[in-house]
Amino acid sequence: MASGESKPTQLTRGAKRGVIEYFLLFALLLVVMVTAWTLWDNGIVDTVAAFIEGSR
């Protein structure tokens, strides 16, 4: 290492890890929202609700 460079501190490593975790969380939420919208749009949620109401 050159004399002007410093080792990454624990804070920088933690900050980088935090950014990746937030990105993965955002990606997971996006997948969940798209899946929920697709199910709702295709009427699967309404069909399941009708089965549940019909069984009472």
N, C-alpha and C. Protein backbone atom coordinates (compact mmCIF):
# COMPACT_ATOMS: atom_id res chain seq x y z
N MET A 1 0.83 -1.18 0.00
CA MET A 1 0.00 0.00 0.00
C MET A 1 0.88 1.24 0.00
N ALA A 2 0.47 2.24 -0.72
CA ALA A 2 1.22 3.49 -0.73
C ALA A 2 1.00 4.22 0.59
N SER A 3 1.89 5.12 0.87
CA SER A 3 1.81 5.80 2.17
C SER A 3 0.58 6.70 2.27
N GLY A 4 0.04 7.17 1.16
CA GLY A 4 -1.13 8.05 1.19
C GLY A 4 -2.44 7.31 1.37
N GLU A 5 -2.44 6.00 1.12
CA GLU A 5 -3.68 5.23 1.21
C GLU A 5 -3.88 4.74 2.64
N SER A 6 -5.12 4.64 3.01
CA SER A 6 -5.42 4.10 4.34
C SER A 6 -6.28 2.85 4.19
N LYS A 7 -6.20 2.02 5.19
CA LYS A 7 -7.02 0.81 5.17
C LYS A 7 -8.48 1.20 5.35
N PRO A 8 -9.39 0.45 4.72
CA PRO A 8 -10.81 0.76 4.94
C PRO A 8 -11.18 0.51 6.40
N THR A 9 -11.86 1.43 6.96
CA THR A 9 -12.26 1.29 8.36
C THR A 9 -13.50 0.41 8.46
N GLN A 10 -13.82 0.05 9.67
CA GLN A 10 -15.01 -0.77 9.89
C GLN A 10 -16.26 -0.01 9.45
N LEU A 11 -16.26 1.31 9.62
CA LEU A 11 -17.41 2.12 9.23
C LEU A 11 -17.65 2.05 7.73
N THR A 12 -16.56 2.15 6.93
CA THR A 12 -16.75 2.10 5.48
C THR A 12 -17.24 0.74 5.04
N ARG A 13 -16.69 -0.31 5.62
CA ARG A 13 -17.15 -1.65 5.26
C ARG A 13 -18.62 -1.82 5.64
N GLY A 14 -19.00 -1.33 6.81
CA GLY A 14 -20.39 -1.43 7.26
C GLY A 14 -21.32 -0.61 6.37
N ALA A 15 -20.85 0.55 5.94
CA ALA A 15 -21.68 1.40 5.09
C ALA A 15 -21.89 0.73 3.73
N LYS A 16 -20.84 0.13 3.18
CA LYS A 16 -20.98 -0.55 1.90
C LYS A 16 -21.92 -1.74 2.03
N ARG A 17 -21.78 -2.48 3.10
CA ARG A 17 -22.65 -3.64 3.32
C ARG A 17 -24.09 -3.17 3.46
N GLY A 18 -24.31 -2.05 4.14
CA GLY A 18 -25.65 -1.52 4.32
C GLY A 18 -26.31 -1.14 3.01
N VAL A 19 -25.54 -0.57 2.10
CA VAL A 19 -26.08 -0.18 0.80
C VAL A 19 -26.52 -1.42 0.03
N ILE A 20 -25.71 -2.46 0.07
CA ILE A 20 -26.07 -3.70 -0.63
C ILE A 20 -27.32 -4.32 -0.01
N GLU A 21 -27.40 -4.30 1.31
CA GLU A 21 -28.58 -4.86 1.97
C GLU A 21 -29.84 -4.08 1.62
N TYR A 22 -29.75 -2.75 1.57
CA TYR A 22 -30.91 -1.96 1.19
C TYR A 22 -31.30 -2.22 -0.27
N PHE A 23 -30.32 -2.40 -1.14
CA PHE A 23 -30.62 -2.71 -2.54
C PHE A 23 -31.32 -4.05 -2.64
N LEU A 24 -30.84 -5.06 -1.92
CA LEU A 24 -31.48 -6.37 -1.95
C LEU A 24 -32.89 -6.30 -1.36
N LEU A 25 -33.08 -5.53 -0.31
CA LEU A 25 -34.41 -5.36 0.27
C LEU A 25 -35.35 -4.70 -0.73
N PHE A 26 -34.87 -3.68 -1.43
CA PHE A 26 -35.68 -3.01 -2.45
C PHE A 26 -36.05 -3.98 -3.57
N ALA A 27 -35.08 -4.79 -4.00
CA ALA A 27 -35.34 -5.76 -5.06
C ALA A 27 -36.38 -6.79 -4.61
N LEU A 28 -36.28 -7.26 -3.37
CA LEU A 28 -37.24 -8.22 -2.85
C LEU A 28 -38.64 -7.61 -2.77
N LEU A 29 -38.73 -6.38 -2.29
CA LEU A 29 -40.04 -5.72 -2.23
C LEU A 29 -40.62 -5.50 -3.61
N LEU A 30 -39.78 -5.20 -4.58
CA LEU A 30 -40.24 -5.02 -5.95
C LEU A 30 -40.82 -6.32 -6.50
N VAL A 31 -40.13 -7.43 -6.24
CA VAL A 31 -40.61 -8.74 -6.70
C VAL A 31 -41.95 -9.07 -6.04
N VAL A 32 -42.06 -8.81 -4.74
CA VAL A 32 -43.31 -9.09 -4.03
C VAL A 32 -44.45 -8.23 -4.58
N MET A 33 -44.18 -6.95 -4.83
CA MET A 33 -45.23 -6.07 -5.34
C MET A 33 -45.67 -6.47 -6.75
N VAL A 34 -44.73 -6.82 -7.60
CA VAL A 34 -45.09 -7.24 -8.96
C VAL A 34 -45.89 -8.53 -8.93
N THR A 35 -45.48 -9.47 -8.07
CA THR A 35 -46.21 -10.73 -7.95
C THR A 35 -47.62 -10.48 -7.43
N ALA A 36 -47.76 -9.64 -6.41
CA ALA A 36 -49.08 -9.34 -5.86
C ALA A 36 -49.96 -8.66 -6.90
N TRP A 37 -49.39 -7.73 -7.65
CA TRP A 37 -50.17 -7.04 -8.68
C TRP A 37 -50.61 -8.02 -9.76
N THR A 38 -49.74 -8.92 -10.16
CA THR A 38 -50.09 -9.90 -11.19
C THR A 38 -51.21 -10.81 -10.71
N LEU A 39 -51.12 -11.29 -9.48
CA LEU A 39 -52.17 -12.14 -8.94
C LEU A 39 -53.50 -11.38 -8.85
N TRP A 40 -53.45 -10.15 -8.41
CA TRP A 40 -54.66 -9.35 -8.29
C TRP A 40 -55.26 -9.09 -9.67
N ASP A 41 -54.43 -8.74 -10.63
CA ASP A 41 -54.88 -8.41 -11.98
C ASP A 41 -55.49 -9.63 -12.67
N ASN A 42 -54.95 -10.80 -12.41
CA ASN A 42 -55.47 -12.02 -13.03
C ASN A 42 -56.70 -12.57 -12.32
N GLY A 43 -57.08 -11.99 -11.21
CA GLY A 43 -58.28 -12.40 -10.51
C GLY A 43 -58.09 -13.60 -9.61
N ILE A 44 -56.86 -14.03 -9.39
CA ILE A 44 -56.62 -15.19 -8.54
C ILE A 44 -57.03 -14.89 -7.10
N VAL A 45 -56.77 -13.68 -6.66
CA VAL A 45 -57.13 -13.30 -5.30
C VAL A 45 -58.65 -13.36 -5.13
N ASP A 46 -59.39 -12.86 -6.13
CA ASP A 46 -60.85 -12.90 -6.07
C ASP A 46 -61.37 -14.33 -6.09
N THR A 47 -60.73 -15.19 -6.87
CA THR A 47 -61.15 -16.58 -6.94
C THR A 47 -60.95 -17.28 -5.60
N VAL A 48 -59.80 -17.07 -4.98
CA VAL A 48 -59.53 -17.68 -3.67
C VAL A 48 -60.50 -17.14 -2.63
N ALA A 49 -60.78 -15.84 -2.68
CA ALA A 49 -61.73 -15.25 -1.74
C ALA A 49 -63.12 -15.84 -1.92
N ALA A 50 -63.53 -16.10 -3.15
CA ALA A 50 -64.84 -16.70 -3.40
C ALA A 50 -64.89 -18.12 -2.84
N PHE A 51 -63.81 -18.88 -2.97
CA PHE A 51 -63.77 -20.23 -2.40
C PHE A 51 -63.88 -20.18 -0.88
N ILE A 52 -63.19 -19.22 -0.27
CA ILE A 52 -63.22 -19.10 1.20
C ILE A 52 -64.62 -18.71 1.66
N GLU A 53 -65.24 -17.75 0.97
CA GLU A 53 -66.59 -17.32 1.35
C GLU A 53 -67.60 -18.43 1.09
N GLY A 54 -67.41 -19.19 0.03
CA GLY A 54 -68.34 -20.27 -0.30
C GLY A 54 -68.28 -21.43 0.66
N SER A 55 -67.16 -21.62 1.32
CA SER A 55 -67.02 -22.76 2.23
C SER A 55 -67.61 -22.49 3.60
N ARG A 56 -68.03 -21.27 3.86
CA ARG A 56 -68.60 -20.95 5.19
C ARG A 56 -70.01 -21.44 5.29
